[in-house]
Amino acid sequence: MKKNTLGLFAFLALLLVAGAGCAPTEVANTNPETSLTTEPLNQEQIPSDDFAITANATEQKGVVNVKWTVPIDMNTKGGFRLLNSMRPNLDQIENPFWYWFNGTVREADWKNIPSGKRYFRACQFSDNKCVRYSNEVEVEVK
């Protein structure tokens, strides 16, 4: 009887140790429409006049038209992220809303934006991160 009890305890202990490796762990939000990791500004990320956006609320409720220009020598192979938040300083916000666009796109209508004050900024995307930011603009969405 003692052998069976000892064997049962050993089995339960092994099951407990093995099961600990299967415990759920905290997973980072990887939804590409709601997550973005940004780096603090460094010299390469300082906004310049030649990488700039304009954004205007349209007459249609919840729609903002955004256009951006880029310098001729900018590497656009990684595309762009267009960032949108209720708070300014989009280069420092951990999870602004964003859309990715290929390197040939220079205009977009962003739909279903809640009414009120919103901030927009574009970033040059390369190596899975924003490497350069445009200016930031404030828009009052209808």
N, C-alpha and C. Protein backbone atom coordinates (compact mmCIF):
# COMPACT_ATOMS: atom_id res chain seq x y z
N MET A 1 0.82 -1.19 0.00
CA MET A 1 0.00 0.00 0.00
C MET A 1 0.87 1.25 0.00
N LYS A 2 1.97 1.22 0.77
CA LYS A 2 2.85 2.38 0.82
C LYS A 2 3.49 2.62 -0.53
N LYS A 3 3.82 1.54 -1.28
CA LYS A 3 4.41 1.69 -2.60
C LYS A 3 3.43 2.38 -3.54
N ASN A 4 2.16 1.96 -3.49
CA ASN A 4 1.15 2.57 -4.36
C ASN A 4 0.93 4.05 -4.01
N THR A 5 0.90 4.36 -2.73
CA THR A 5 0.70 5.74 -2.30
C THR A 5 1.89 6.59 -2.71
N LEU A 6 3.10 6.08 -2.51
CA LEU A 6 4.30 6.79 -2.90
C LEU A 6 4.33 7.00 -4.41
N GLY A 7 3.96 5.97 -5.17
CA GLY A 7 3.91 6.08 -6.63
C GLY A 7 2.88 7.10 -7.08
N LEU A 8 1.72 7.13 -6.39
CA LEU A 8 0.68 8.10 -6.73
C LEU A 8 1.16 9.52 -6.47
N PHE A 9 1.82 9.76 -5.34
CA PHE A 9 2.36 11.09 -5.04
C PHE A 9 3.44 11.50 -6.05
N ALA A 10 4.28 10.57 -6.42
CA ALA A 10 5.33 10.87 -7.41
C ALA A 10 4.69 11.24 -8.74
N PHE A 11 3.66 10.51 -9.13
CA PHE A 11 2.96 10.79 -10.38
C PHE A 11 2.31 12.18 -10.34
N LEU A 12 1.63 12.50 -9.23
CA LEU A 12 0.98 13.80 -9.09
C LEU A 12 2.01 14.94 -9.10
N ALA A 13 3.15 14.73 -8.45
CA ALA A 13 4.20 15.76 -8.43
C ALA A 13 4.74 15.98 -9.84
N LEU A 14 4.96 14.90 -10.58
CA LEU A 14 5.44 15.01 -11.96
C LEU A 14 4.41 15.71 -12.83
N LEU A 15 3.14 15.39 -12.65
CA LEU A 15 2.07 16.03 -13.40
C LEU A 15 2.00 17.52 -13.08
N LEU A 16 2.17 17.88 -11.83
CA LEU A 16 2.15 19.28 -11.41
C LEU A 16 3.31 20.06 -12.04
N VAL A 17 4.51 19.49 -12.04
CA VAL A 17 5.68 20.15 -12.61
C VAL A 17 5.53 20.27 -14.12
N ALA A 18 5.08 19.22 -14.78
CA ALA A 18 4.91 19.25 -16.24
C ALA A 18 3.80 20.22 -16.62
N GLY A 19 2.74 20.27 -15.85
CA GLY A 19 1.63 21.17 -16.14
C GLY A 19 1.98 22.63 -15.96
N ALA A 20 2.95 22.93 -15.12
CA ALA A 20 3.33 24.32 -14.89
C ALA A 20 3.86 24.96 -16.16
N GLY A 21 4.49 24.18 -17.01
CA GLY A 21 4.99 24.70 -18.28
C GLY A 21 3.89 25.03 -19.25
N CYS A 22 2.69 24.51 -19.01
CA CYS A 22 1.55 24.78 -19.89
C CYS A 22 0.68 25.91 -19.38
N ALA A 23 1.05 26.51 -18.27
CA ALA A 23 0.24 27.58 -17.70
C ALA A 23 0.21 28.76 -18.66
N PRO A 24 -0.93 29.44 -18.74
CA PRO A 24 -0.99 30.58 -19.65
C PRO A 24 -0.03 31.68 -19.22
N THR A 25 0.56 32.33 -20.20
CA THR A 25 1.46 33.43 -19.92
C THR A 25 0.89 34.68 -20.56
N GLU A 26 1.35 35.82 -20.11
CA GLU A 26 0.88 37.07 -20.67
C GLU A 26 1.43 37.19 -22.09
N VAL A 27 0.55 37.47 -23.03
CA VAL A 27 0.94 37.59 -24.43
C VAL A 27 0.76 39.04 -24.85
N ALA A 28 1.74 39.56 -25.55
CA ALA A 28 1.64 40.93 -26.04
C ALA A 28 0.54 41.03 -27.08
N ASN A 29 -0.12 42.18 -27.14
CA ASN A 29 -1.15 42.41 -28.13
C ASN A 29 -0.50 42.48 -29.50
N THR A 30 -0.82 41.54 -30.37
CA THR A 30 -0.19 41.50 -31.68
C THR A 30 -1.17 41.83 -32.78
N ASN A 31 -2.37 42.31 -32.44
CA ASN A 31 -3.34 42.70 -33.45
C ASN A 31 -2.78 43.89 -34.23
N PRO A 32 -2.49 43.74 -35.54
CA PRO A 32 -1.82 44.80 -36.27
C PRO A 32 -2.64 46.07 -36.43
N GLU A 33 -3.94 46.04 -36.16
CA GLU A 33 -4.74 47.25 -36.29
C GLU A 33 -4.79 48.06 -35.00
N THR A 34 -4.32 47.50 -33.90
CA THR A 34 -4.41 48.24 -32.65
C THR A 34 -3.11 48.30 -31.89
N SER A 35 -2.04 47.77 -32.40
CA SER A 35 -0.81 47.80 -31.63
C SER A 35 0.32 48.40 -32.45
N LEU A 36 1.20 49.07 -31.77
CA LEU A 36 2.37 49.64 -32.40
C LEU A 36 3.38 49.92 -31.32
N THR A 37 4.57 49.45 -31.51
CA THR A 37 5.64 49.75 -30.59
C THR A 37 6.48 50.85 -31.21
N THR A 38 6.70 51.91 -30.49
CA THR A 38 7.49 53.00 -31.02
C THR A 38 8.72 53.22 -30.17
N GLU A 39 9.68 53.83 -30.76
CA GLU A 39 10.91 54.19 -30.08
C GLU A 39 10.87 55.68 -29.79
N PRO A 40 11.52 56.15 -28.72
CA PRO A 40 11.60 57.59 -28.50
C PRO A 40 12.30 58.25 -29.68
N LEU A 41 12.02 59.52 -29.89
CA LEU A 41 12.65 60.23 -31.00
C LEU A 41 14.16 60.21 -30.87
N ASN A 42 14.83 59.96 -31.99
CA ASN A 42 16.27 60.15 -32.06
C ASN A 42 16.53 61.05 -33.27
N GLN A 43 17.75 61.33 -33.58
CA GLN A 43 18.06 62.29 -34.63
C GLN A 43 17.46 61.89 -35.98
N GLU A 44 17.39 60.61 -36.31
CA GLU A 44 16.84 60.19 -37.60
C GLU A 44 15.32 60.31 -37.64
N GLN A 45 14.66 60.43 -36.50
CA GLN A 45 13.21 60.45 -36.45
C GLN A 45 12.63 61.86 -36.30
N ILE A 46 13.46 62.87 -36.23
CA ILE A 46 12.94 64.22 -36.08
C ILE A 46 12.16 64.58 -37.34
N PRO A 47 10.92 65.04 -37.18
CA PRO A 47 10.11 65.38 -38.35
C PRO A 47 10.80 66.42 -39.22
N SER A 48 10.63 66.28 -40.51
CA SER A 48 11.21 67.25 -41.44
C SER A 48 10.13 67.76 -42.36
N ASP A 49 10.38 68.91 -42.96
CA ASP A 49 9.40 69.52 -43.85
C ASP A 49 9.14 68.69 -45.10
N ASP A 50 10.07 67.85 -45.47
CA ASP A 50 9.89 67.09 -46.69
C ASP A 50 9.15 65.76 -46.47
N PHE A 51 8.91 65.36 -45.24
CA PHE A 51 8.06 64.20 -44.93
C PHE A 51 6.94 64.75 -44.09
N ALA A 52 5.84 65.10 -44.74
CA ALA A 52 4.78 65.84 -44.06
C ALA A 52 3.41 65.29 -44.41
N ILE A 53 2.47 65.46 -43.48
CA ILE A 53 1.08 65.06 -43.76
C ILE A 53 0.16 66.25 -43.60
N THR A 54 -0.98 66.14 -44.25
CA THR A 54 -2.11 67.03 -44.02
C THR A 54 -3.30 66.13 -43.77
N ALA A 55 -4.20 66.56 -42.91
CA ALA A 55 -5.39 65.77 -42.60
C ALA A 55 -6.56 66.72 -42.43
N ASN A 56 -7.68 66.36 -43.04
CA ASN A 56 -8.88 67.19 -42.98
C ASN A 56 -10.10 66.32 -42.80
N ALA A 57 -10.98 66.73 -41.87
CA ALA A 57 -12.25 66.04 -41.71
C ALA A 57 -13.09 66.28 -42.96
N THR A 58 -13.73 65.26 -43.44
CA THR A 58 -14.61 65.42 -44.60
C THR A 58 -16.01 65.77 -44.12
N GLU A 59 -16.89 66.04 -45.06
CA GLU A 59 -18.29 66.32 -44.71
C GLU A 59 -18.99 65.06 -44.19
N GLN A 60 -18.44 63.92 -44.56
CA GLN A 60 -19.01 62.63 -44.12
C GLN A 60 -18.61 62.38 -42.67
N LYS A 61 -19.56 61.99 -41.84
CA LYS A 61 -19.32 61.77 -40.42
C LYS A 61 -18.27 60.68 -40.20
N GLY A 62 -17.27 60.99 -39.38
CA GLY A 62 -16.26 60.01 -39.00
C GLY A 62 -15.21 59.72 -40.04
N VAL A 63 -15.08 60.56 -41.07
CA VAL A 63 -14.09 60.31 -42.13
C VAL A 63 -13.08 61.45 -42.18
N VAL A 64 -11.80 61.08 -42.20
CA VAL A 64 -10.72 62.04 -42.32
C VAL A 64 -9.88 61.68 -43.54
N ASN A 65 -9.63 62.67 -44.39
CA ASN A 65 -8.77 62.48 -45.54
C ASN A 65 -7.35 62.88 -45.14
N VAL A 66 -6.40 61.97 -45.35
CA VAL A 66 -5.02 62.20 -44.98
C VAL A 66 -4.14 62.05 -46.22
N LYS A 67 -3.24 63.01 -46.42
CA LYS A 67 -2.28 62.96 -47.52
C LYS A 67 -0.89 63.17 -46.94
N TRP A 68 0.11 62.53 -47.55
CA TRP A 68 1.47 62.74 -47.09
C TRP A 68 2.42 62.82 -48.27
N THR A 69 3.49 63.58 -48.06
CA THR A 69 4.54 63.73 -49.06
C THR A 69 5.83 63.18 -48.46
N VAL A 70 6.69 62.71 -49.32
CA VAL A 70 7.96 62.14 -48.86
C VAL A 70 9.10 62.71 -49.70
N PRO A 71 10.30 62.76 -49.13
CA PRO A 71 11.44 63.21 -49.93
C PRO A 71 11.76 62.20 -51.03
N ILE A 72 12.34 62.67 -52.09
CA ILE A 72 12.66 61.81 -53.24
C ILE A 72 13.57 60.67 -52.84
N ASP A 73 14.51 60.91 -51.95
CA ASP A 73 15.49 59.87 -51.60
C ASP A 73 15.05 58.96 -50.45
N MET A 74 13.79 59.07 -49.98
CA MET A 74 13.32 58.22 -48.88
C MET A 74 13.10 56.78 -49.36
N ASN A 75 13.60 55.83 -48.59
CA ASN A 75 13.37 54.42 -48.89
C ASN A 75 11.95 54.07 -48.43
N THR A 76 11.06 53.79 -49.37
CA THR A 76 9.66 53.52 -49.03
C THR A 76 9.29 52.04 -49.18
N LYS A 77 10.28 51.18 -49.31
CA LYS A 77 10.00 49.74 -49.50
C LYS A 77 9.23 49.13 -48.34
N GLY A 78 9.46 49.62 -47.13
CA GLY A 78 8.76 49.08 -45.96
C GLY A 78 7.37 49.66 -45.77
N GLY A 79 7.02 50.65 -46.57
CA GLY A 79 5.70 51.26 -46.49
C GLY A 79 5.61 52.30 -45.40
N PHE A 80 4.38 52.63 -45.06
CA PHE A 80 4.10 53.68 -44.08
C PHE A 80 3.05 53.19 -43.10
N ARG A 81 3.11 53.71 -41.90
CA ARG A 81 2.02 53.55 -40.94
C ARG A 81 1.41 54.92 -40.75
N LEU A 82 0.12 54.96 -40.84
CA LEU A 82 -0.62 56.17 -40.55
C LEU A 82 -1.17 56.01 -39.14
N LEU A 83 -0.81 56.90 -38.22
CA LEU A 83 -1.15 56.79 -36.81
C LEU A 83 -2.27 57.75 -36.46
N ASN A 84 -3.13 57.35 -35.50
CA ASN A 84 -4.29 58.13 -35.11
C ASN A 84 -4.54 57.89 -33.62
N SER A 85 -4.71 58.99 -32.87
CA SER A 85 -4.97 58.86 -31.43
C SER A 85 -5.74 60.08 -30.93
N MET A 86 -6.34 59.94 -29.75
CA MET A 86 -6.99 61.06 -29.08
C MET A 86 -5.96 61.94 -28.38
N ARG A 87 -4.74 61.43 -28.23
CA ARG A 87 -3.70 62.18 -27.52
C ARG A 87 -2.59 62.58 -28.50
N PRO A 88 -1.95 63.73 -28.26
CA PRO A 88 -0.83 64.14 -29.12
C PRO A 88 0.43 63.34 -28.83
N ASN A 89 1.49 63.64 -29.53
CA ASN A 89 2.80 62.99 -29.39
C ASN A 89 2.72 61.51 -29.77
N LEU A 90 2.25 61.27 -30.97
CA LEU A 90 2.03 59.90 -31.43
C LEU A 90 3.29 59.06 -31.51
N ASP A 91 4.45 59.68 -31.55
CA ASP A 91 5.69 58.92 -31.57
C ASP A 91 5.99 58.30 -30.22
N GLN A 92 5.29 58.72 -29.17
CA GLN A 92 5.57 58.22 -27.83
C GLN A 92 4.42 57.41 -27.23
N ILE A 93 3.29 57.31 -27.93
CA ILE A 93 2.15 56.54 -27.44
C ILE A 93 2.36 55.06 -27.79
N GLU A 94 2.12 54.20 -26.82
CA GLU A 94 2.40 52.78 -27.02
C GLU A 94 1.47 52.10 -28.01
N ASN A 95 0.19 52.39 -28.00
CA ASN A 95 -0.74 51.66 -28.86
C ASN A 95 -1.73 52.57 -29.57
N PRO A 96 -1.24 53.46 -30.45
CA PRO A 96 -2.22 54.26 -31.20
C PRO A 96 -2.88 53.37 -32.25
N PHE A 97 -4.00 53.83 -32.78
CA PHE A 97 -4.59 53.12 -33.91
C PHE A 97 -3.70 53.38 -35.11
N TRP A 98 -3.59 52.42 -36.00
CA TRP A 98 -2.76 52.62 -37.18
C TRP A 98 -3.23 51.76 -38.33
N TYR A 99 -2.85 52.19 -39.51
CA TYR A 99 -3.02 51.41 -40.74
C TYR A 99 -1.68 51.40 -41.45
N TRP A 100 -1.36 50.28 -42.06
CA TRP A 100 -0.14 50.18 -42.85
C TRP A 100 -0.50 50.37 -44.32
N PHE A 101 0.34 51.11 -45.04
CA PHE A 101 0.17 51.34 -46.47
C PHE A 101 1.46 50.99 -47.18
N ASN A 102 1.35 50.45 -48.40
CA ASN A 102 2.57 50.16 -49.14
C ASN A 102 3.26 51.46 -49.53
N GLY A 103 4.48 51.37 -49.98
CA GLY A 103 5.31 52.53 -50.22
C GLY A 103 4.88 53.43 -51.36
N THR A 104 3.88 53.03 -52.13
CA THR A 104 3.43 53.88 -53.24
C THR A 104 2.21 54.72 -52.88
N VAL A 105 1.58 54.45 -51.76
CA VAL A 105 0.36 55.17 -51.36
C VAL A 105 0.74 56.51 -50.73
N ARG A 106 -0.02 57.58 -51.07
CA ARG A 106 0.23 58.91 -50.50
C ARG A 106 -1.04 59.58 -50.02
N GLU A 107 -2.17 58.87 -50.04
CA GLU A 107 -3.44 59.45 -49.60
C GLU A 107 -4.37 58.35 -49.14
N ALA A 108 -5.17 58.65 -48.12
CA ALA A 108 -6.14 57.68 -47.61
C ALA A 108 -7.29 58.40 -46.94
N ASP A 109 -8.47 57.81 -47.01
CA ASP A 109 -9.63 58.24 -46.24
C ASP A 109 -9.78 57.26 -45.09
N TRP A 110 -9.61 57.74 -43.87
CA TRP A 110 -9.75 56.89 -42.69
C TRP A 110 -11.18 57.05 -42.21
N LYS A 111 -11.91 55.93 -42.16
CA LYS A 111 -13.34 55.96 -41.85
C LYS A 111 -13.61 55.45 -40.43
N ASN A 112 -14.83 55.73 -39.97
CA ASN A 112 -15.32 55.26 -38.66
C ASN A 112 -14.49 55.79 -37.49
N ILE A 113 -14.05 57.02 -37.59
CA ILE A 113 -13.30 57.65 -36.50
C ILE A 113 -14.32 58.34 -35.58
N PRO A 114 -14.22 58.14 -34.28
CA PRO A 114 -15.15 58.82 -33.36
C PRO A 114 -15.01 60.34 -33.48
N SER A 115 -16.11 61.04 -33.29
CA SER A 115 -16.07 62.50 -33.38
C SER A 115 -15.26 63.08 -32.23
N GLY A 116 -14.71 64.25 -32.49
CA GLY A 116 -13.89 64.92 -31.48
C GLY A 116 -12.50 65.18 -32.01
N LYS A 117 -11.64 65.66 -31.13
CA LYS A 117 -10.27 66.00 -31.50
C LYS A 117 -9.43 64.74 -31.64
N ARG A 118 -8.74 64.61 -32.78
CA ARG A 118 -7.86 63.47 -33.04
C ARG A 118 -6.53 64.00 -33.57
N TYR A 119 -5.48 63.20 -33.41
CA TYR A 119 -4.14 63.56 -33.88
C TYR A 119 -3.68 62.50 -34.88
N PHE A 120 -3.03 62.96 -35.94
CA PHE A 120 -2.57 62.07 -37.01
C PHE A 120 -1.09 62.33 -37.28
N ARG A 121 -0.41 61.26 -37.65
CA ARG A 121 1.00 61.34 -38.00
C ARG A 121 1.33 60.13 -38.86
N ALA A 122 2.25 60.28 -39.78
CA ALA A 122 2.71 59.15 -40.60
C ALA A 122 4.10 58.77 -40.13
N CYS A 123 4.45 57.51 -40.33
CA CYS A 123 5.83 57.11 -40.06
C CYS A 123 6.31 56.22 -41.19
N GLN A 124 7.58 56.38 -41.49
CA GLN A 124 8.25 55.50 -42.45
C GLN A 124 8.50 54.20 -41.71
N PHE A 125 8.08 53.09 -42.31
CA PHE A 125 8.16 51.79 -41.64
C PHE A 125 9.27 50.96 -42.27
N SER A 126 10.16 50.44 -41.44
CA SER A 126 11.27 49.62 -41.91
C SER A 126 11.72 48.71 -40.78
N ASP A 127 12.06 47.49 -41.11
CA ASP A 127 12.52 46.52 -40.10
C ASP A 127 11.56 46.40 -38.93
N ASN A 128 10.25 46.37 -39.23
CA ASN A 128 9.19 46.20 -38.24
C ASN A 128 9.12 47.29 -37.19
N LYS A 129 9.49 48.51 -37.56
CA LYS A 129 9.36 49.63 -36.63
C LYS A 129 9.30 50.94 -37.41
N CYS A 130 8.83 51.97 -36.73
CA CYS A 130 8.83 53.31 -37.30
C CYS A 130 10.24 53.86 -37.18
N VAL A 131 10.79 54.31 -38.30
CA VAL A 131 12.16 54.83 -38.29
C VAL A 131 12.22 56.33 -38.52
N ARG A 132 11.14 56.91 -39.00
CA ARG A 132 11.10 58.36 -39.22
C ARG A 132 9.65 58.81 -39.20
N TYR A 133 9.41 59.94 -38.56
CA TYR A 133 8.04 60.44 -38.41
C TYR A 133 7.83 61.73 -39.19
N SER A 134 6.60 61.90 -39.65
CA SER A 134 6.18 63.16 -40.26
C SER A 134 5.79 64.12 -39.14
N ASN A 135 5.34 65.28 -39.56
CA ASN A 135 4.74 66.20 -38.60
C ASN A 135 3.46 65.58 -38.04
N GLU A 136 2.93 66.14 -36.98
CA GLU A 136 1.69 65.67 -36.38
C GLU A 136 0.63 66.75 -36.59
N VAL A 137 -0.58 66.34 -36.98
CA VAL A 137 -1.65 67.31 -37.19
C VAL A 137 -2.86 66.97 -36.32
N GLU A 138 -3.55 68.03 -35.93
CA GLU A 138 -4.75 67.90 -35.11
C GLU A 138 -5.97 68.13 -36.01
N VAL A 139 -6.99 67.27 -35.85
CA VAL A 139 -8.19 67.36 -36.66
C VAL A 139 -9.42 67.26 -35.75
N GLU A 140 -10.40 68.08 -35.99
CA GLU A 140 -11.68 67.97 -35.28
C GLU A 140 -12.60 67.13 -36.17
N VAL A 141 -12.84 65.89 -35.77
CA VAL A 141 -13.63 64.94 -36.57
C VAL A 141 -15.11 65.19 -36.31
N LYS A 142 -15.89 65.20 -37.40
CA LYS A 142 -17.34 65.45 -37.30
C LYS A 142 -18.08 64.20 -36.88
